[in-house]
Amino acid sequence: MDNAYGLWPLVIINSAIFIVFAFSFTKPKTPRDWRSFGAFSAFIVALFTEMYGFPLTIYLLSGWLTKALPGVDLLSHNSGHLLEDFFGWGGDPHFGPFHLLSYVLIGIGVFLLMDAWTVLYKAQREHTLATTGPYARIRHPQYAAFILIMLGFLFQWPTILTLAMFPVLVWMYIHLARTEEREAKEVFGVTWDIYVARTPAFIPRWGRNKSSK
C-alpha cells in the first residue's frame, strides 16, 4: 500500500493559502475579529493536517472502516474522501457528487467573502451601515461565507475533529453576530431597525423581502 500521508509541506502550503486569503478579506482588528479569524484558521489547519499529514480519523476508525469498506486501501489519498467511499460512486473521487458539491459551496463562500469585504470596507471608511451588495440580502455575509467554506470542506473530506468543530464554530459565529448587532443598534438606531426588519441574518429570502415581525 502507498502511504499518501506525512506530506507536511502540503499541510503548511494549503493551510497558508486559505488562512492568508481569509486574512486579506477580513483584516481582523478587534479581539472579536481575531476570534472569528482564529476559529476558521483552526478548522483549516485541522482539515489539511488530516488530508495530507496524519489521518487521525482513519486511524481511529480503521477497524470499523476495514469491515465497512473491504478491499479499500485506507492509506491512499483517494480513500480519505469517505462520503464517496461509502456511497460507492467509483472512479476518481475528485469528480464524485460530494466533491463537486464541495467545490460549489467553497466557491460561493469565497465569492461571498470577497464581495462582502468590498462593501464593508467602503461602509467602514464612510462610517455608514453596510446595506448594499450581499448585505442587501443577509446581515452577516462574511460569517455565512466562513460557514459555507467549512461546510464545503466537510462534504469533501469529513473528519472526526472537523465534524466536532463545525457546530461549535457555527454557534460561535451566531453569537458574534448577535453581539455585533447590539453594537450596531446603539450606533445606527432606527436605521438599523429598518434594515433588520427587511434583511434576514444568514439565510436570504429569494424573492421579495418581507418585513420581519
Protein backbone atom coordinates (compact mmCIF):
# COMPACT_ATOMS: atom_id res chain seq x y z
CA MET A 1 0.00 0.00 0.00
CA ASP A 2 1.28 3.50 -0.85
CA ASN A 3 1.15 5.87 2.10
CA ALA A 4 -0.18 9.22 0.82
CA TYR A 5 0.24 10.95 4.19
CA GLY A 6 3.12 12.59 6.03
CA LEU A 7 3.18 15.32 3.38
CA TRP A 8 3.67 18.16 5.86
CA PRO A 9 4.82 20.75 3.27
CA LEU A 10 1.38 20.34 1.63
CA VAL A 11 -0.30 20.80 5.01
CA ILE A 12 1.58 24.08 5.51
CA ILE A 13 1.10 25.37 1.95
CA ASN A 14 -2.62 24.61 1.71
CA SER A 15 -3.34 25.93 5.20
CA ALA A 16 -1.38 29.10 4.47
CA ILE A 17 -3.25 29.74 1.21
CA PHE A 18 -6.69 29.67 2.85
CA ILE A 19 -5.61 31.45 6.03
CA VAL A 20 -3.86 34.27 4.16
CA PHE A 21 -6.85 34.56 1.82
CA ALA A 22 -9.26 34.82 4.77
CA PHE A 23 -6.98 37.35 6.49
CA SER A 24 -6.78 39.52 3.39
CA PHE A 25 -10.57 39.82 3.20
CA THR A 26 -11.34 40.18 6.91
CA LYS A 27 -8.48 42.35 8.21
CA PRO A 28 -9.10 41.42 11.89
CA LYS A 29 -8.65 44.34 14.28
CA THR A 30 -10.72 43.75 17.42
CA PRO A 31 -10.48 40.72 19.76
CA ARG A 32 -13.83 39.58 18.30
CA ASP A 33 -12.41 39.76 14.77
CA TRP A 34 -9.40 37.71 15.82
CA ARG A 35 -11.62 35.07 17.46
CA SER A 36 -13.59 34.69 14.25
CA PHE A 37 -10.47 34.51 12.12
CA GLY A 38 -8.66 32.22 14.58
CA ALA A 39 -11.55 29.74 14.72
CA PHE A 40 -11.67 29.49 10.93
CA SER A 41 -7.89 29.09 10.80
CA ALA A 42 -8.00 26.27 13.36
CA PHE A 43 -10.59 24.44 11.26
CA ILE A 44 -8.44 24.79 8.14
CA VAL A 45 -5.28 23.54 9.88
CA ALA A 46 -7.16 20.55 11.36
CA LEU A 47 -8.59 19.74 7.92
CA PHE A 48 -5.34 19.79 5.97
CA THR A 49 -3.44 18.04 8.75
CA GLU A 50 -5.71 15.03 8.25
CA MET A 51 -5.86 15.42 4.49
CA TYR A 52 -2.10 15.36 3.95
CA GLY A 53 -0.36 14.91 7.29
CA PHE A 54 -1.75 12.32 9.69
CA PRO A 55 -5.13 10.64 9.01
CA LEU A 56 -6.39 10.63 12.60
CA THR A 57 -9.98 9.77 11.66
CA ILE A 58 -8.93 6.81 9.51
CA TYR A 59 -6.53 5.66 12.24
CA LEU A 60 -9.18 5.80 14.99
CA LEU A 61 -11.87 4.17 12.84
CA SER A 62 -9.57 1.77 10.98
CA GLY A 63 -11.15 -1.40 12.44
CA TRP A 64 -14.68 -0.37 11.52
CA LEU A 65 -13.66 1.11 8.15
CA THR A 66 -11.85 -2.10 7.18
CA LYS A 67 -15.08 -4.05 7.72
CA ALA A 68 -17.36 -1.44 6.18
CA LEU A 69 -15.14 -0.87 3.14
CA PRO A 70 -13.44 -4.21 2.42
CA GLY A 71 -10.66 -4.01 -0.12
CA VAL A 72 -10.23 -0.25 0.17
CA ASP A 73 -6.65 0.97 0.62
CA LEU A 74 -7.16 3.25 3.62
CA LEU A 75 -3.70 4.78 3.25
CA SER A 76 -4.32 6.07 -0.27
CA HIS A 77 -5.31 9.71 -0.60
CA ASN A 78 -8.49 8.91 -2.53
CA SER A 79 -9.82 6.81 0.36
CA GLY A 80 -9.91 9.90 2.57
CA HIS A 81 -12.98 11.04 0.65
CA LEU A 82 -15.13 8.95 2.96
CA LEU A 83 -18.54 10.03 1.66
CA GLU A 84 -17.58 8.96 -1.86
CA ASP A 85 -16.28 5.65 -0.44
CA PHE A 86 -19.45 4.86 1.49
CA PHE A 87 -21.79 5.64 -1.38
CA GLY A 88 -19.59 3.67 -3.77
CA TRP A 89 -19.65 6.15 -6.65
CA GLY A 90 -16.44 4.67 -8.07
CA GLY A 91 -13.88 6.38 -10.26
CA ASP A 92 -11.86 9.41 -9.22
CA PRO A 93 -13.48 10.82 -6.03
CA HIS A 94 -12.43 14.33 -7.07
CA PHE A 95 -15.19 14.15 -9.68
CA GLY A 96 -17.77 12.48 -7.43
CA PRO A 97 -21.02 14.26 -6.46
CA PHE A 98 -19.94 15.13 -2.91
CA HIS A 99 -16.66 16.56 -4.10
CA LEU A 100 -18.39 18.58 -6.83
CA LEU A 101 -20.89 19.88 -4.25
CA SER A 102 -17.95 20.89 -2.06
CA TYR A 103 -16.49 22.90 -4.95
CA VAL A 104 -19.79 24.76 -5.35
CA LEU A 105 -20.12 25.57 -1.62
CA ILE A 106 -16.47 26.64 -1.27
CA GLY A 107 -16.70 28.72 -4.44
CA ILE A 108 -19.85 30.51 -3.26
CA GLY A 109 -18.26 31.08 0.15
CA VAL A 110 -15.07 32.54 -1.35
CA PHE A 111 -17.01 34.83 -3.70
CA LEU A 112 -19.32 35.94 -0.88
CA LEU A 113 -16.38 36.73 1.40
CA MET A 114 -14.69 38.84 -1.26
CA ASP A 115 -17.87 40.65 -2.26
CA ALA A 116 -18.86 41.34 1.34
CA TRP A 117 -15.46 42.77 2.24
CA THR A 118 -15.64 45.30 -0.62
CA VAL A 119 -18.95 46.65 0.68
CA LEU A 120 -17.98 46.52 4.35
CA TYR A 121 -14.64 48.26 3.79
CA LYS A 122 -16.36 51.15 1.99
CA ALA A 123 -19.02 51.42 4.72
CA GLN A 124 -16.39 51.46 7.47
CA ARG A 125 -14.45 54.24 5.76
CA GLU A 126 -17.62 56.31 5.36
CA HIS A 127 -18.92 55.41 8.84
CA THR A 128 -22.20 54.19 7.38
CA LEU A 129 -24.22 50.97 7.64
CA ALA A 130 -23.36 48.33 5.03
CA THR A 131 -26.64 47.60 3.22
CA THR A 132 -25.66 47.01 -0.42
CA GLY A 133 -24.29 44.05 -2.33
CA PRO A 134 -24.56 40.85 -0.26
CA TYR A 135 -25.58 42.97 2.74
CA ALA A 136 -28.82 43.73 0.90
CA ARG A 137 -29.69 40.02 1.17
CA ILE A 138 -28.27 39.00 4.56
CA ARG A 139 -26.89 40.90 7.53
CA HIS A 140 -23.80 38.72 8.07
CA PRO A 141 -22.41 37.61 4.69
CA GLN A 142 -18.85 37.24 5.99
CA TYR A 143 -19.84 34.78 8.70
CA ALA A 144 -22.11 32.99 6.22
CA ALA A 145 -19.13 32.74 3.85
CA PHE A 146 -16.97 31.08 6.51
CA ILE A 147 -19.75 28.60 7.27
CA LEU A 148 -20.20 27.74 3.58
CA ILE A 149 -16.48 27.17 3.07
CA MET A 150 -16.26 24.91 6.11
CA LEU A 151 -19.39 23.01 5.07
CA GLY A 152 -17.91 22.52 1.61
CA PHE A 153 -14.76 21.01 3.08
CA LEU A 154 -16.85 18.68 5.25
CA PHE A 155 -18.50 17.25 2.14
CA GLN A 156 -15.08 16.87 0.55
CA TRP A 157 -13.08 15.43 3.45
CA PRO A 158 -15.08 14.71 6.64
CA THR A 159 -13.06 14.02 9.80
CA ILE A 160 -13.96 13.43 13.43
CA LEU A 161 -12.28 16.65 14.52
CA THR A 162 -13.75 18.96 11.88
CA LEU A 163 -17.22 17.43 12.30
CA ALA A 164 -16.96 18.17 16.03
CA MET A 165 -15.64 21.68 15.41
CA PHE A 166 -18.23 22.70 12.82
CA PRO A 167 -21.34 23.09 15.07
CA VAL A 168 -19.24 24.82 17.72
CA LEU A 169 -17.92 27.31 15.16
CA VAL A 170 -21.41 27.92 13.73
CA TRP A 171 -22.65 28.66 17.25
CA MET A 172 -19.68 30.99 17.79
CA TYR A 173 -20.40 32.92 14.57
CA ILE A 174 -24.07 33.28 15.53
CA HIS A 175 -23.03 34.55 18.97
CA LEU A 176 -20.55 37.03 17.44
CA ALA A 177 -23.23 38.20 15.01
CA ARG A 178 -25.66 38.91 17.84
CA THR A 179 -23.00 40.87 19.70
CA GLU A 180 -22.28 42.95 16.60
CA GLU A 181 -25.97 43.59 16.11
CA ARG A 182 -26.38 45.00 19.62
CA GLU A 183 -23.48 47.35 18.95
CA ALA A 184 -24.86 48.35 15.53
CA LYS A 185 -28.23 49.20 17.06
CA GLU A 186 -26.55 51.55 19.52
CA VAL A 187 -24.72 53.32 16.70
CA PHE A 188 -27.34 53.42 13.92
CA GLY A 189 -30.60 53.34 15.91
CA VAL A 190 -33.74 53.47 13.75
CA THR A 191 -31.74 52.95 10.56
CA TRP A 192 -30.59 49.63 11.96
CA ASP A 193 -34.11 48.63 12.98
CA ILE A 194 -35.40 49.27 9.46
CA TYR A 195 -32.52 47.27 7.98
CA VAL A 196 -33.16 44.33 10.33
CA ALA A 197 -36.87 44.35 9.51
CA ARG A 198 -36.24 43.74 5.82
CA THR A 199 -33.00 41.73 5.88
CA PRO A 200 -32.55 38.21 7.38
CA ALA A 201 -29.40 37.37 9.34
CA PHE A 202 -27.88 34.43 7.46
CA ILE A 203 -30.30 32.85 5.00
CA PRO A 204 -31.55 35.12 2.18
CA ARG A 205 -35.17 35.33 1.15
CA TRP A 206 -35.32 34.56 -2.54
CA GLY A 207 -37.99 36.83 -3.90
CA ARG A 208 -39.49 39.92 -2.38
CA ASN A 209 -38.28 40.62 1.14
CA LYS A 210 -40.98 40.89 3.75
CA SER A 211 -40.63 42.82 6.95
CA SER A 212 -39.89 40.65 9.97
CA LYS A 213 -42.26 40.68 12.85
